[in-house]
């Protein structure tokens, strides 16, 4: 390197083997660290290359280096660990290394480093290594301000990790800051043991298999090899279940305690209360997860409750991963307004069987709505001001309503259903309307039915009462047509033909609509005060009304 300052004070017989002590000071620039620090003899590590500015105070006792403290700035450092090169572009910090009776300890302050991919801001950490015996080793580590992504990058370059640990770290790609952390690891002939505590700030990771992608989580906790806990307190984060929800679930707040334990049967994770606030809804959840050993199915039991929310946001929180494209498209367009007024989620069973099509478990989302505008199909009149119960159960969904309006007609009851969200070709709608006949005409005029009965609708007017039953199947896949069946019971009705100046009065009977059009047989009525029987049937694009009487 360049010029240096060296001071050394020695006491004792330097010509003897061990009977001397010394204190030294070294200050230099652009020094070759591989030469200066090679006597540290850190197990399994060797400094192979590096140029640095170093200021060191050192002590020797009994002819052995016992303490080194100082500050360092290193460029292009390369360490050799188990024949693997670890390259770091810049390293700086204050350090204090001390030899112990059966090991060593290293304390650092303002420690920072930079590689080609990541940068560790100034932080603090300490490492204490002790060889208790030939087979037993103990390592204690404390850290504060550690950049997880930066440390992960170094670990992935090293040989410290097993292959499965390396794969896990590579795929998860964790990031965030570790503060107030403590880690203790002990190896012995009786087995390995470890314990840790710490605080995570702004933690994020990528999705891997069943592990969701997490962004900006903050928490504090402790763990050992057999049990642990984590207090989560997150603001403005997100979680992304790649195969279940189409978008990340945004979190305004997440708080609660997660605990876990491990034994010969596997892992158990649980939370008695986890509160989640999203931009659209607030939930409280408790769950218990069992991850058995030997590759057995993961079991989950989850109960969640939620409160008032705008119904238009419901599709954001539905598991579209188990639904067919047609159902997803329908749900996206279905809820045009209104609110959910409370509900819950229940999931119980093996996750491999989700969504439990053969009833191996139970998945249920149940909530009530009010003042919802439901768009059930294009070109059909919306259901307005609907109060309904919505239930997703295993692979199906059912919406049941006893209040609402369609084309000005009061709904007595309505049911929307898909038996299998992934495979069904049609969405089924069953409804009962008790209202006046003009409302039935309005419903026909606002629906595709006007194409087959348009002549009748254009050239006649009606009054009276009608009880109407609708059975409609709306296609969820391209290339399919709607299947509509309607049944109307007319009471004391009247049909007027303005262009003819005639009318049929006292109409009582049943009308049916199907794929062939509008039909009726022997409907009772009066023309010019005389009783008649009326038949109605389609003829190409026309509707024929045939009245028979005296």
Protein backbone atom coordinates (compact mmCIF):
# COMPACT_ATOMS: atom_id res chain seq x y z
CA UNK A 1 0.00 0.00 0.00
CA UNK A 2 0.94 3.65 0.43
CA UNK A 3 2.65 5.29 3.43
CA UNK A 4 1.73 3.96 6.84
CA UNK A 5 2.20 4.73 10.51
CA UNK A 6 3.19 1.87 12.79
CA UNK A 7 3.73 1.96 16.53
CA UNK A 8 4.51 -1.11 18.62
CA UNK A 9 5.19 -1.42 22.37
CA UNK A 10 6.43 -4.83 23.54
CA UNK A 11 6.92 -6.02 27.11
CA UNK A 12 8.68 -9.25 27.95
CA UNK A 13 11.17 -11.54 26.31
CA UNK A 14 10.37 -11.37 22.61
CA UNK A 15 12.87 -14.12 21.94
CA UNK A 16 10.92 -16.56 24.08
CA UNK A 17 7.96 -18.56 22.77
CA UNK A 18 5.09 -17.03 24.75
CA UNK A 19 6.45 -14.80 27.50
CA UNK A 20 5.70 -11.40 26.01
CA UNK A 21 2.85 -8.91 25.58
CA UNK A 22 2.39 -6.06 23.14
CA UNK A 23 0.21 -3.20 21.99
CA UNK A 24 0.27 -1.87 18.48
CA UNK A 25 -1.16 0.87 16.28
CA UNK A 26 -1.37 0.82 12.50
CA UNK A 27 -2.70 3.45 10.15
CA UNK A 28 -2.37 3.00 6.42
CA UNK A 29 -3.98 3.55 3.03
CA UNK A 30 -4.48 1.15 0.14
CA UNK A 31 -3.21 -1.76 2.17
CA UNK A 32 -3.42 -5.35 0.93
CA UNK A 33 -5.70 -6.86 3.57
CA UNK A 34 -4.88 -10.46 2.73
CA UNK A 35 -1.42 -9.87 4.19
CA UNK A 36 -2.36 -7.85 7.26
CA UNK A 37 -5.40 -9.80 8.51
CA UNK A 38 -4.38 -13.36 7.73
CA UNK A 39 -3.45 -14.02 11.37
CA UNK A 40 -7.06 -13.57 12.54
CA UNK A 41 -7.60 -17.27 11.76
CA UNK A 42 -11.38 -17.10 11.52
CA UNK A 43 -12.70 -20.63 11.08
CA UNK A 44 -13.59 -21.54 7.47
CA UNK A 45 -12.91 -17.99 6.18
CA UNK A 46 -9.89 -16.52 4.43
CA UNK A 47 -9.48 -12.98 3.14
CA UNK A 48 -8.06 -13.52 -0.33
CA UNK A 49 -8.12 -10.01 -1.76
CA UNK A 50 -8.99 -6.44 -0.82
CA UNK A 51 -7.50 -2.97 -0.76
CA UNK A 52 -8.40 -0.76 2.15
CA UNK A 53 -7.79 2.21 4.37
CA UNK A 54 -7.27 0.84 7.85
CA UNK A 55 -6.69 2.23 11.32
CA UNK A 56 -6.07 -0.48 13.90
CA UNK A 57 -5.29 -0.75 17.58
CA UNK A 58 -4.13 -4.24 18.51
CA UNK A 59 -3.11 -6.22 21.57
CA UNK A 60 -1.08 -9.41 22.04
CA UNK A 61 -1.03 -11.55 25.14
CA UNK A 62 1.21 -14.51 25.69
CA UNK A 63 2.53 -14.06 22.15
CA UNK A 64 -0.96 -14.40 20.63
CA UNK A 65 -3.14 -11.76 19.05
CA UNK A 66 -5.92 -11.14 21.57
CA UNK A 67 -7.74 -8.03 20.36
CA UNK A 68 -8.03 -5.86 17.25
CA UNK A 69 -10.20 -2.78 17.05
CA UNK A 70 -10.38 0.05 14.59
CA UNK A 71 -12.06 1.28 11.48
CA UNK A 72 -11.81 0.14 7.92
CA UNK A 73 -12.84 1.02 4.40
CA UNK A 74 -12.26 -1.74 1.87
CA UNK A 75 -12.61 -1.79 -1.90
CA UNK A 76 -13.00 -4.91 -4.04
CA UNK A 77 -12.87 -7.35 -1.16
CA UNK A 78 -12.95 -11.06 -1.84
CA UNK A 79 -13.20 -13.72 0.85
CA UNK A 80 -12.71 -17.43 0.33
CA UNK A 81 -15.10 -19.70 2.21
CA UNK A 82 -15.08 -23.42 1.46
CA UNK A 83 -13.48 -22.72 -1.91
CA UNK A 84 -16.27 -20.25 -2.80
CA UNK A 85 -15.47 -16.61 -3.55
CA UNK A 86 -17.54 -13.90 -1.84
CA UNK A 87 -16.99 -10.60 -3.63
CA UNK A 88 -17.99 -7.29 -2.05
CA UNK A 89 -17.23 -4.00 -3.83
CA UNK A 90 -17.09 -1.76 -0.74
CA UNK A 91 -17.01 -2.47 2.99
CA UNK A 92 -16.73 0.09 5.77
CA UNK A 93 -17.28 0.30 9.50
CA UNK A 94 -15.91 0.31 13.02
CA UNK A 95 -14.95 -3.06 14.47
CA UNK A 96 -13.73 -4.66 17.67
CA UNK A 97 -12.46 -8.25 17.45
CA UNK A 98 -11.41 -10.10 20.58
CA UNK A 99 -10.07 -13.59 21.15
CA UNK A 100 -11.93 -15.59 23.80
CA UNK A 101 -10.88 -18.65 25.74
CA UNK A 102 -12.51 -21.02 23.25
CA UNK A 103 -13.37 -18.79 20.34
CA UNK A 104 -13.75 -15.15 19.41
CA UNK A 105 -16.19 -12.28 19.23
CA UNK A 106 -16.60 -9.46 16.73
CA UNK A 107 -18.53 -6.24 17.30
CA UNK A 108 -19.18 -3.73 14.54
CA UNK A 109 -20.73 -0.30 14.32
CA UNK A 110 -21.62 1.80 11.28
CA UNK A 111 -21.08 -1.32 9.21
CA UNK A 112 -21.98 -1.00 5.52
CA UNK A 113 -21.21 -2.82 2.30
CA UNK A 114 -22.08 -2.78 -1.37
CA UNK A 115 -22.13 -5.47 -4.05
CA UNK A 116 -23.09 -5.28 -7.71
CA UNK A 117 -26.70 -6.06 -6.81
CA UNK A 118 -27.41 -4.64 -3.33
CA UNK A 119 -26.28 -2.16 -0.70
CA UNK A 120 -26.28 -2.46 3.08
CA UNK A 121 -26.70 0.94 4.81
CA UNK A 122 -24.90 1.62 8.07
CA UNK A 123 -25.82 -0.98 10.68
CA UNK A 124 -24.62 -2.71 13.82
CA UNK A 125 -23.99 -6.36 14.53
CA UNK A 126 -21.94 -8.63 16.72
CA UNK A 127 -20.88 -12.25 16.40
CA UNK A 128 -19.61 -14.47 19.18
CA UNK A 129 -18.24 -17.89 18.28
CA UNK A 130 -17.27 -20.50 20.83
CA UNK A 131 -15.96 -24.02 20.35
CA UNK A 132 -17.30 -25.63 23.52
CA UNK A 133 -15.75 -28.98 22.66
CA UNK A 134 -14.51 -30.88 19.64
CA UNK A 135 -18.12 -31.56 18.62
CA UNK A 136 -20.09 -28.72 20.22
CA UNK A 137 -20.12 -25.19 18.79
CA UNK A 138 -22.04 -22.09 19.84
CA UNK A 139 -22.66 -18.90 17.86
CA UNK A 140 -24.55 -15.83 19.10
CA UNK A 141 -25.40 -12.99 16.74
CA UNK A 142 -27.01 -9.61 17.41
CA UNK A 143 -27.96 -7.14 14.68
CA UNK A 144 -29.70 -3.84 14.12
CA UNK A 145 -30.44 -2.07 10.85
CA UNK A 146 -29.66 -5.11 8.69
CA UNK A 147 -30.86 -5.02 5.09
CA UNK A 148 -32.35 -8.49 4.51
CA UNK A 149 -31.94 -8.41 0.74
CA UNK A 150 -28.28 -7.48 1.05
CA UNK A 151 -27.56 -10.26 3.54
CA UNK A 152 -29.52 -12.76 1.44
CA UNK A 153 -27.36 -11.87 -1.53
CA UNK A 154 -24.22 -12.67 0.45
CA UNK A 155 -25.68 -15.92 1.81
CA UNK A 156 -26.61 -17.07 -1.68
CA UNK A 157 -22.99 -16.55 -2.78
CA UNK A 158 -21.68 -18.55 0.16
CA UNK A 159 -21.68 -22.25 0.98
CA UNK A 160 -23.37 -21.75 4.33
CA UNK A 161 -26.79 -22.87 3.06
CA UNK A 162 -28.07 -26.30 2.17
CA UNK A 163 -29.43 -26.73 -1.34
CA UNK A 164 -33.07 -26.55 -0.25
CA UNK A 165 -32.34 -23.44 1.85
CA UNK A 166 -30.63 -21.78 -1.10
CA UNK A 167 -33.61 -22.57 -3.37
CA UNK A 168 -36.05 -21.19 -0.80
CA UNK A 169 -34.06 -17.98 -0.36
CA UNK A 170 -33.64 -17.52 -4.12
CA UNK A 171 -37.34 -17.94 -4.90
CA UNK A 172 -38.68 -15.89 -2.00
CA UNK A 173 -36.19 -13.03 -2.61
CA UNK A 174 -36.89 -11.43 0.79
CA UNK A 175 -36.27 -7.77 1.54
CA UNK A 176 -36.81 -5.36 4.41
CA UNK A 177 -34.93 -4.29 7.52
CA UNK A 178 -34.10 -6.42 10.56
CA UNK A 179 -33.83 -4.48 13.82
CA UNK A 180 -33.11 -5.39 17.46
CA UNK A 181 -32.34 -8.94 16.42
CA UNK A 182 -30.76 -11.77 18.37
CA UNK A 183 -29.87 -15.23 17.06
CA UNK A 184 -28.26 -18.12 18.88
CA UNK A 185 -27.22 -21.39 17.21
CA UNK A 186 -25.71 -24.44 18.87
CA UNK A 187 -24.50 -27.66 17.30
CA UNK A 188 -23.75 -30.77 19.33
CA UNK A 189 -23.78 -34.52 19.14
CA UNK A 190 -27.29 -34.41 20.60
CA UNK A 191 -28.56 -32.28 17.71
CA UNK A 192 -28.83 -28.68 16.63
CA UNK A 193 -30.74 -26.02 18.57
CA UNK A 194 -31.43 -22.35 17.88
CA UNK A 195 -33.41 -19.39 19.16
CA UNK A 196 -34.03 -15.90 17.78
CA UNK A 197 -35.88 -12.65 18.38
CA UNK A 198 -36.19 -9.53 16.28
CA UNK A 199 -38.24 -6.89 14.56
CA UNK A 200 -38.96 -6.76 10.84
CA UNK A 201 -39.77 -3.46 9.14
CA UNK A 202 -41.02 -3.20 5.56
CA UNK A 203 -40.64 -6.93 4.92
CA UNK A 204 -41.48 -8.22 1.44
CA UNK A 205 -41.09 -11.50 -0.43
CA UNK A 206 -42.04 -13.08 -3.75
CA UNK A 207 -44.68 -15.80 -4.07
CA UNK A 208 -43.53 -19.42 -3.93
CA UNK A 209 -45.85 -22.42 -4.25
CA UNK A 210 -48.52 -21.89 -1.57
CA UNK A 211 -46.61 -18.98 0.04
CA UNK A 212 -48.19 -15.64 -0.96
CA UNK A 213 -46.24 -12.61 -2.11
CA UNK A 214 -46.01 -10.09 0.74
CA UNK A 215 -45.20 -6.41 0.56
CA UNK A 216 -44.31 -3.94 3.32
CA UNK A 217 -45.11 -6.06 6.39
CA UNK A 218 -43.85 -5.05 9.83
CA UNK A 219 -43.72 -7.35 12.84
CA UNK A 220 -41.82 -8.38 15.96
CA UNK A 221 -41.39 -11.85 17.40
CA UNK A 222 -39.32 -14.68 18.79
CA UNK A 223 -38.79 -18.27 17.72
CA UNK A 224 -36.94 -21.45 18.54
CA UNK A 225 -36.66 -24.74 16.73
CA UNK A 226 -39.95 -25.93 18.25
CA UNK A 227 -42.13 -22.85 18.79
CA UNK A 228 -42.50 -19.12 18.25
CA UNK A 229 -44.73 -16.09 18.00
CA UNK A 230 -45.03 -13.03 15.79
CA UNK A 231 -46.87 -9.78 16.55
CA UNK A 232 -47.88 -8.23 13.22
CA UNK A 233 -48.50 -4.50 12.95
CA UNK A 234 -48.54 -3.46 9.31
CA UNK A 235 -49.68 -0.27 7.61
CA UNK A 236 -50.10 0.14 3.83
CA UNK A 237 -49.03 -3.35 2.83
CA UNK A 238 -50.31 -6.00 0.44
CA UNK A 239 -50.57 -9.75 0.07
CA UNK A 240 -50.89 -11.60 -3.22
CA UNK A 241 -52.25 -15.15 -3.46
CA UNK A 242 -51.22 -15.69 -7.09
CA UNK A 243 -53.45 -18.67 -7.83
CA UNK A 244 -56.52 -17.56 -5.87
CA UNK A 245 -57.10 -13.82 -6.31
CA UNK A 246 -56.42 -12.00 -9.55
CA UNK A 247 -54.87 -8.91 -7.89
CA UNK A 248 -52.92 -8.15 -4.76
CA UNK A 249 -55.08 -7.51 -1.71
CA UNK A 250 -54.22 -4.01 -0.49
CA UNK A 251 -54.01 -3.59 3.28
CA UNK A 252 -54.52 -0.31 5.08
CA UNK A 253 -53.78 -2.15 8.31
CA UNK A 254 -53.02 -5.65 9.59
CA UNK A 255 -52.57 -6.51 13.26
CA UNK A 256 -52.62 -9.61 15.41
CA UNK A 257 -50.47 -12.37 16.88
CA UNK A 258 -49.39 -15.46 14.95
CA UNK A 259 -48.04 -18.45 16.89
CA UNK A 260 -46.50 -21.70 15.75
CA UNK A 261 -45.11 -24.94 17.13
CA UNK A 262 -43.30 -27.95 15.73
CA UNK A 263 -43.12 -31.57 16.83
CA UNK A 264 -42.70 -35.01 15.29
CA UNK A 265 -46.15 -34.72 13.67
CA UNK A 266 -45.33 -31.48 11.82
CA UNK A 267 -46.03 -27.74 12.13
CA UNK A 268 -49.03 -25.98 13.65
CA UNK A 269 -49.76 -22.30 12.97
CA UNK A 270 -52.62 -20.33 14.49
CA UNK A 271 -53.98 -16.91 15.29
CA UNK A 272 -56.84 -16.25 17.68
CA UNK A 273 -57.49 -12.80 16.23
CA UNK A 274 -56.09 -11.14 13.12
CA UNK A 275 -57.59 -7.78 12.17
CA UNK A 276 -57.42 -6.67 8.54
CA UNK A 277 -58.42 -3.28 7.17
CA UNK A 278 -58.53 -2.87 3.39
CA UNK A 279 -59.56 0.20 1.39
CA UNK A 280 -63.04 -1.32 1.09
CA UNK A 281 -63.74 -3.62 4.05
CA UNK A 282 -62.63 -4.49 7.60
CA UNK A 283 -62.36 -8.11 8.79
CA UNK A 284 -61.53 -10.08 11.92
CA UNK A 285 -60.15 -13.58 11.42
CA UNK A 286 -59.04 -16.55 13.46
CA UNK A 287 -57.39 -19.59 11.93
CA UNK A 288 -55.45 -22.74 12.65
CA UNK A 289 -53.19 -24.52 10.15
CA UNK A 290 -51.65 -27.95 10.45
CA UNK A 291 -48.72 -28.86 8.20
CA UNK A 292 -48.14 -32.57 8.79
CA UNK A 293 -44.82 -34.30 8.32
CA UNK A 294 -44.06 -36.73 5.50
CA UNK A 295 -45.92 -34.82 2.80
CA UNK A 296 -49.43 -35.28 4.16
CA UNK A 297 -52.09 -32.67 3.20
CA UNK A 298 -52.04 -29.23 4.81
CA UNK A 299 -55.17 -28.69 6.91
CA UNK A 300 -56.70 -25.26 7.46
CA UNK A 301 -59.57 -24.09 9.64
CA UNK A 302 -60.45 -20.40 9.20
CA UNK A 303 -63.32 -18.22 10.39
CA UNK A 304 -63.56 -14.58 9.33
CA UNK A 305 -66.18 -11.88 9.88
CA UNK A 306 -66.57 -8.61 8.00
CA UNK A 307 -68.80 -5.57 8.21
CA UNK A 308 -70.35 -2.95 5.94
CA UNK A 309 -68.80 -2.49 2.50
CA UNK A 310 -69.74 -1.21 -0.95
CA UNK A 311 -71.04 -4.16 -2.96
CA UNK A 312 -69.31 -2.93 -6.12
CA UNK A 313 -65.97 -4.00 -4.57
CA UNK A 314 -67.07 -7.57 -3.76
CA UNK A 315 -65.36 -9.13 -6.84
CA UNK A 316 -61.96 -7.90 -5.62
CA UNK A 317 -62.15 -10.26 -2.65
CA UNK A 318 -63.57 -13.37 -4.33
CA UNK A 319 -61.38 -16.44 -5.08
CA UNK A 320 -61.47 -16.17 -8.89
CA UNK A 321 -58.77 -18.83 -9.11
CA UNK A 322 -61.41 -21.53 -8.59
CA UNK A 323 -63.89 -19.95 -11.03
CA UNK A 324 -64.36 -20.21 -14.76
CA UNK A 325 -63.78 -17.16 -16.95
CA UNK A 326 -67.49 -16.76 -17.60
CA UNK A 327 -68.36 -16.59 -13.91
CA UNK A 328 -65.53 -14.15 -13.24
CA UNK A 329 -66.78 -11.89 -16.03
CA UNK A 330 -70.32 -12.13 -14.67
CA UNK A 331 -69.25 -11.24 -11.12
CA UNK A 332 -67.20 -8.29 -12.36
CA UNK A 333 -70.30 -6.77 -13.95
CA UNK A 334 -72.95 -8.00 -11.50
CA UNK A 335 -72.77 -5.60 -8.55
CA UNK A 336 -73.56 -2.07 -9.73
CA UNK A 337 -74.23 -0.46 -6.37
CA UNK A 338 -75.48 -0.99 -2.83
CA UNK A 339 -73.82 -2.42 0.26
CA UNK A 340 -72.94 -5.60 2.02
CA UNK A 341 -74.19 -5.33 5.61
CA UNK A 342 -72.09 -8.01 7.27
CA UNK A 343 -71.01 -11.55 6.65
CA UNK A 344 -68.36 -14.15 7.13
CA UNK A 345 -65.99 -16.70 5.65
CA UNK A 346 -65.56 -20.31 6.77
CA UNK A 347 -62.92 -22.66 5.41
CA UNK A 348 -62.23 -26.09 6.85
CA UNK A 349 -60.39 -28.94 5.19
CA UNK A 350 -57.27 -30.01 3.32
CA UNK A 351 -56.00 -27.27 0.99
CA UNK A 352 -55.23 -29.80 -1.74
CA UNK A 353 -58.98 -30.53 -1.98
CA UNK A 354 -60.03 -26.87 -2.22
CA UNK A 355 -62.72 -25.90 -3.30
CA UNK A 356 -64.07 -29.24 -1.97
CA UNK A 357 -66.17 -30.30 -4.94
CA UNK A 358 -66.76 -33.72 -3.39
CA UNK A 359 -67.54 -32.26 0.05
CA UNK A 360 -64.16 -33.27 1.49
CA UNK A 361 -64.27 -29.99 3.40
CA UNK A 362 -66.22 -26.75 3.58
CA UNK A 363 -65.63 -23.37 1.97
CA UNK A 364 -68.35 -20.78 2.55
CA UNK A 365 -68.62 -17.04 2.06
CA UNK A 366 -71.95 -15.72 3.31
CA UNK A 367 -73.09 -12.09 3.41
CA UNK A 368 -76.22 -9.97 3.16
CA UNK A 369 -76.79 -6.99 0.89
CA UNK A 370 -79.10 -4.01 0.75
CA UNK A 371 -80.02 -1.54 -2.00
CA UNK A 372 -77.94 -3.51 -4.50
CA UNK A 373 -78.36 -3.03 -8.22
CA UNK A 374 -77.69 -6.45 -9.75
CA UNK A 375 -76.73 -6.67 -13.42
CA UNK A 376 -77.36 -10.34 -14.11
CA UNK A 377 -77.10 -10.23 -17.93
CA UNK A 378 -76.46 -7.82 -20.77
CA UNK A 379 -79.61 -6.52 -22.55
CA UNK A 380 -81.81 -7.56 -19.63
CA UNK A 381 -83.27 -5.10 -17.07
CA UNK A 382 -81.24 -4.86 -13.88
CA UNK A 383 -82.59 -5.97 -10.54
CA UNK A 384 -82.83 -2.76 -8.50
CA UNK A 385 -82.85 -2.05 -4.76
CA UNK A 386 -82.20 -5.71 -4.00
CA UNK A 387 -81.93 -7.07 -0.47
CA UNK A 388 -80.33 -10.49 -0.77
CA UNK A 389 -78.31 -13.22 0.89
CA UNK A 390 -75.21 -14.17 -1.11
CA UNK A 391 -73.54 -17.51 -0.46
CA UNK A 392 -70.41 -18.99 -2.00
CA UNK A 393 -70.31 -22.61 -0.87
CA UNK A 394 -67.52 -24.90 -2.02
CA UNK A 395 -67.60 -24.72 -5.83
CA UNK A 396 -70.95 -22.91 -6.21
CA UNK A 397 -72.64 -19.57 -5.58
CA UNK A 398 -76.27 -18.75 -4.72
CA UNK A 399 -77.96 -15.34 -4.41
CA UNK A 400 -81.42 -15.37 -2.80
CA UNK A 401 -83.59 -12.23 -2.63
CA UNK A 402 -87.07 -11.45 -1.34
CA UNK A 403 -86.99 -7.74 -2.11
CA UNK A 404 -86.25 -5.73 -5.22
CA UNK A 405 -87.60 -4.28 -8.42
CA UNK A 406 -87.16 -5.34 -12.06
CA UNK A 407 -88.53 -3.21 -14.91
CA UNK A 408 -90.83 -1.50 -12.42
CA UNK A 409 -92.18 -4.80 -11.06
CA UNK A 410 -91.94 -5.78 -7.41
CA UNK A 411 -89.98 -8.99 -6.88
CA UNK A 412 -91.54 -11.47 -4.50
CA UNK A 413 -88.54 -13.77 -4.65
CA UNK A 414 -85.50 -14.32 -6.85
CA UNK A 415 -82.66 -16.83 -6.94
CA UNK A 416 -79.42 -16.63 -8.93
CA UNK A 417 -77.27 -19.76 -8.91
CA UNK A 418 -74.15 -21.35 -10.38
CA UNK A 419 -73.58 -24.92 -9.19
CA UNK A 420 -69.93 -25.16 -10.29
CA UNK A 421 -68.05 -21.89 -10.68
CA UNK A 422 -65.34 -23.49 -12.78
CA UNK A 423 -67.27 -25.81 -15.09
CA UNK A 424 -70.90 -24.66 -15.43
CA UNK A 425 -72.02 -23.36 -18.82
CA UNK A 426 -75.04 -21.43 -17.56
CA UNK A 427 -76.05 -19.14 -14.73
CA UNK A 428 -79.59 -19.92 -13.53
CA UNK A 429 -82.11 -17.23 -12.53
CA UNK A 430 -85.43 -18.10 -10.96
CA UNK A 431 -87.84 -15.31 -10.02
CA UNK A 432 -91.41 -14.66 -8.93
CA UNK A 433 -93.07 -11.30 -9.67
CA UNK A 434 -96.49 -10.27 -8.32
CA UNK A 435 -97.53 -7.03 -9.97
CA UNK A 436 -99.63 -5.48 -12.69
CA UNK A 437 -99.70 -6.64 -16.29
CA UNK A 438 -98.20 -3.40 -17.70
CA UNK A 439 -95.07 -4.23 -15.70
CA UNK A 440 -94.79 -7.56 -17.48
CA UNK A 441 -94.95 -5.73 -20.81
CA UNK A 442 -92.18 -3.40 -19.62
CA UNK A 443 -90.03 -6.39 -18.66
CA UNK A 444 -90.50 -7.91 -22.13
CA UNK A 445 -89.72 -4.58 -23.83
CA UNK A 446 -86.44 -4.17 -21.89
CA UNK A 447 -85.23 -7.72 -22.59
CA UNK A 448 -84.28 -9.78 -25.64
CA UNK A 449 -87.82 -11.23 -25.51
CA UNK A 450 -89.06 -8.19 -27.42
CA UNK A 451 -87.57 -9.72 -30.59
CA UNK A 452 -90.10 -12.56 -30.58
CA UNK A 453 -93.18 -10.73 -29.26
CA UNK A 454 -92.42 -7.24 -30.53
CA UNK A 455 -95.57 -7.06 -32.69
CA UNK A 456 -97.80 -7.82 -29.74
CA UNK A 457 -96.00 -5.33 -27.54
CA UNK A 458 -96.22 -2.59 -30.18
CA UNK A 459 -99.90 -3.01 -31.04
CA UNK A 460 -101.57 -3.75 -27.71
CA UNK A 461 -101.88 -2.39 -24.19
CA UNK A 462 -102.72 -4.35 -21.04
CA UNK A 463 -104.09 -3.78 -17.56
CA UNK A 464 -104.81 -6.13 -14.66
CA UNK A 465 -102.78 -8.28 -12.29
CA UNK A 466 -100.24 -11.01 -13.01
CA UNK A 467 -98.24 -13.53 -11.02
CA UNK A 468 -95.13 -14.24 -13.11
CA UNK A 469 -92.58 -17.02 -12.66
CA UNK A 470 -89.30 -16.65 -14.57
CA UNK A 471 -86.76 -19.40 -15.23
CA UNK A 472 -83.80 -17.99 -17.19
CA UNK A 473 -80.46 -19.57 -18.01
CA UNK A 474 -77.76 -17.04 -18.95
CA UNK A 475 -74.76 -18.45 -20.89
CA UNK A 476 -71.34 -18.14 -19.26
CA UNK A 477 -69.47 -19.25 -22.36
CA UNK A 478 -69.31 -17.90 -25.88
CA UNK A 479 -71.44 -19.52 -28.57
CA UNK A 480 -74.34 -20.36 -26.26
CA UNK A 481 -77.80 -18.76 -26.22
CA UNK A 482 -79.99 -17.76 -23.32
CA UNK A 483 -82.81 -20.16 -22.43
CA UNK A 484 -85.90 -18.33 -21.17
CA UNK A 485 -89.07 -19.82 -19.75
CA UNK A 486 -91.84 -17.66 -18.24
CA UNK A 487 -95.20 -18.50 -16.78
CA UNK A 488 -97.79 -15.77 -16.05
CA UNK A 489 -101.12 -16.22 -14.27
CA UNK A 490 -103.40 -13.34 -15.33
CA UNK A 491 -106.25 -12.17 -13.12
CA UNK A 492 -109.02 -9.83 -14.36
CA UNK A 493 -106.88 -8.51 -17.16
CA UNK A 494 -107.67 -6.38 -20.17
CA UNK A 495 -105.94 -6.29 -23.56
CA UNK A 496 -106.65 -3.34 -25.82
CA UNK A 497 -105.82 -3.00 -29.53
CA UNK A 498 -105.81 0.75 -30.24
CA UNK A 499 -105.44 0.33 -34.00
CA UNK A 500 -108.57 -1.86 -34.13
CA UNK A 501 -110.57 -0.05 -31.51
CA UNK A 502 -111.25 -3.38 -29.82
CA UNK A 503 -110.36 -4.99 -26.51
CA UNK A 504 -110.54 -8.29 -24.68
CA UNK A 505 -111.74 -7.90 -21.12
CA UNK A 506 -111.97 -10.08 -17.99
CA UNK A 507 -108.88 -12.05 -18.96
CA UNK A 508 -108.20 -14.97 -16.59
CA UNK A 509 -105.76 -17.75 -17.38
CA UNK A 510 -102.16 -18.71 -17.91
CA UNK A 511 -99.59 -17.50 -20.45
CA UNK A 512 -96.34 -19.30 -21.18
CA UNK A 513 -93.20 -18.15 -22.89
CA UNK A 514 -90.46 -20.52 -24.10
CA UNK A 515 -88.00 -21.02 -26.92
CA UNK A 516 -90.84 -21.02 -29.48
CA UNK A 517 -92.42 -17.79 -28.23
CA UNK A 518 -95.59 -16.81 -26.35
CA UNK A 519 -98.33 -19.40 -25.95
CA UNK A 520 -101.70 -19.73 -24.17
CA UNK A 521 -104.60 -22.18 -24.36
CA UNK A 522 -108.25 -21.55 -23.42
CA UNK A 523 -107.67 -18.29 -21.58
CA UNK A 524 -111.06 -16.95 -20.47
CA UNK A 525 -112.13 -13.48 -21.50
CA UNK A 526 -114.93 -11.31 -22.87
CA UNK A 527 -115.35 -9.57 -26.22
CA UNK A 528 -118.31 -7.23 -26.69
CA UNK A 529 -119.68 -8.52 -23.41
CA UNK A 530 -119.70 -12.14 -24.54
CA UNK A 531 -117.46 -14.89 -23.09
CA UNK A 532 -114.64 -16.20 -25.27
CA UNK A 533 -111.80 -18.70 -25.01
CA UNK A 534 -108.49 -17.39 -26.27
CA UNK A 535 -105.51 -19.23 -27.71
CA UNK A 536 -102.16 -17.50 -28.30
CA UNK A 537 -99.35 -18.97 -30.35
CA UNK A 538 -96.36 -17.81 -32.41
CA UNK A 539 -96.25 -17.76 -36.18
CA UNK A 540 -92.76 -16.93 -37.47
CA UNK A 541 -92.19 -13.34 -36.29
CA UNK A 542 -95.83 -12.76 -35.41
CA UNK A 543 -97.99 -13.58 -32.43
CA UNK A 544 -101.48 -14.94 -33.24
CA UNK A 545 -104.37 -14.29 -30.86
CA UNK A 546 -107.39 -16.51 -31.62
CA UNK A 547 -110.62 -15.94 -29.72
CA UNK A 548 -113.55 -18.38 -29.95
CA UNK A 549 -117.07 -17.64 -28.69
CA UNK A 550 -120.63 -16.76 -29.62
